[in-house]
Protein backbone atom coordinates (compact mmCIF):
# COMPACT_ATOMS: atom_id res chain seq x y z
CA UNK A 1 85.89 105.55 94.40
CA UNK A 2 87.35 103.24 91.66
CA UNK A 3 89.45 101.72 94.83
CA UNK A 4 86.85 101.03 96.80
CA UNK A 5 84.92 98.96 94.80
CA UNK A 6 87.61 97.49 93.51
CA UNK A 7 88.49 96.86 96.97
CA UNK A 8 85.78 94.70 97.76
CA UNK A 9 87.41 91.67 95.42
CA UNK A 10 90.54 91.44 97.52
CA UNK A 11 91.75 87.69 98.65
CA UNK A 12 91.93 89.08 102.81
CA UNK A 13 89.56 91.17 103.88
CA UNK A 14 92.36 93.10 106.61
CA UNK A 15 94.29 93.92 102.94
CA UNK A 16 96.22 96.96 103.05
CA UNK A 17 96.31 96.71 99.12
CA UNK A 18 100.43 97.34 99.08
CA UNK A 19 101.37 93.89 99.47
CA UNK A 20 99.05 91.29 99.57
CA UNK A 21 98.96 87.87 97.27
CA UNK A 22 95.58 88.31 95.97
CA UNK A 23 95.30 91.69 95.59
CA UNK A 24 92.86 93.43 93.28
CA UNK A 25 93.90 97.00 93.89
CA UNK A 26 97.23 95.96 92.67
CA UNK A 27 96.19 94.16 89.74
CA UNK A 28 93.96 96.53 88.64
CA UNK A 29 96.91 99.31 88.89
CA UNK A 30 98.63 97.13 86.71
CA UNK A 31 95.86 96.01 84.56
CA UNK A 32 95.37 100.55 83.91
CA UNK A 33 91.80 100.29 85.37
CA UNK A 34 93.18 102.29 88.68
CA UNK A 35 95.37 104.88 87.69
CA UNK A 36 98.70 105.01 89.18
CA UNK A 37 98.81 108.37 90.38
CA UNK A 38 95.50 107.10 92.95
CA UNK A 39 97.69 104.29 93.91
CA UNK A 40 100.72 106.07 94.70
CA UNK A 41 98.55 109.02 95.80
CA UNK A 42 96.90 106.48 98.54
CA UNK A 43 100.26 104.65 99.09
CA UNK A 44 102.10 108.62 100.70
CA UNK A 45 98.25 109.04 102.50
CA UNK A 46 99.48 105.16 104.46
CA UNK A 47 103.13 105.71 104.77
CA UNK A 48 101.82 110.20 106.29
CA UNK A 49 99.09 108.05 109.33
CA UNK A 50 101.91 106.31 109.73
CA UNK A 51 104.34 108.37 110.40
CA UNK A 52 101.68 110.24 112.87
CA UNK A 53 100.75 107.60 114.51
CA UNK A 54 104.42 106.75 115.75
């Protein structure tokens, strides 16, 4: 929930929240607004989804 709320502040509409400049989610993780464990879980889901699609 908090990631979706924060994601609306990303610079790009198609931000993946991994490497794009101006990513509000990455900024929120760095500031502690979003827990690092939550973000790492998100990254793991992205990786698993990518492997599944290949």
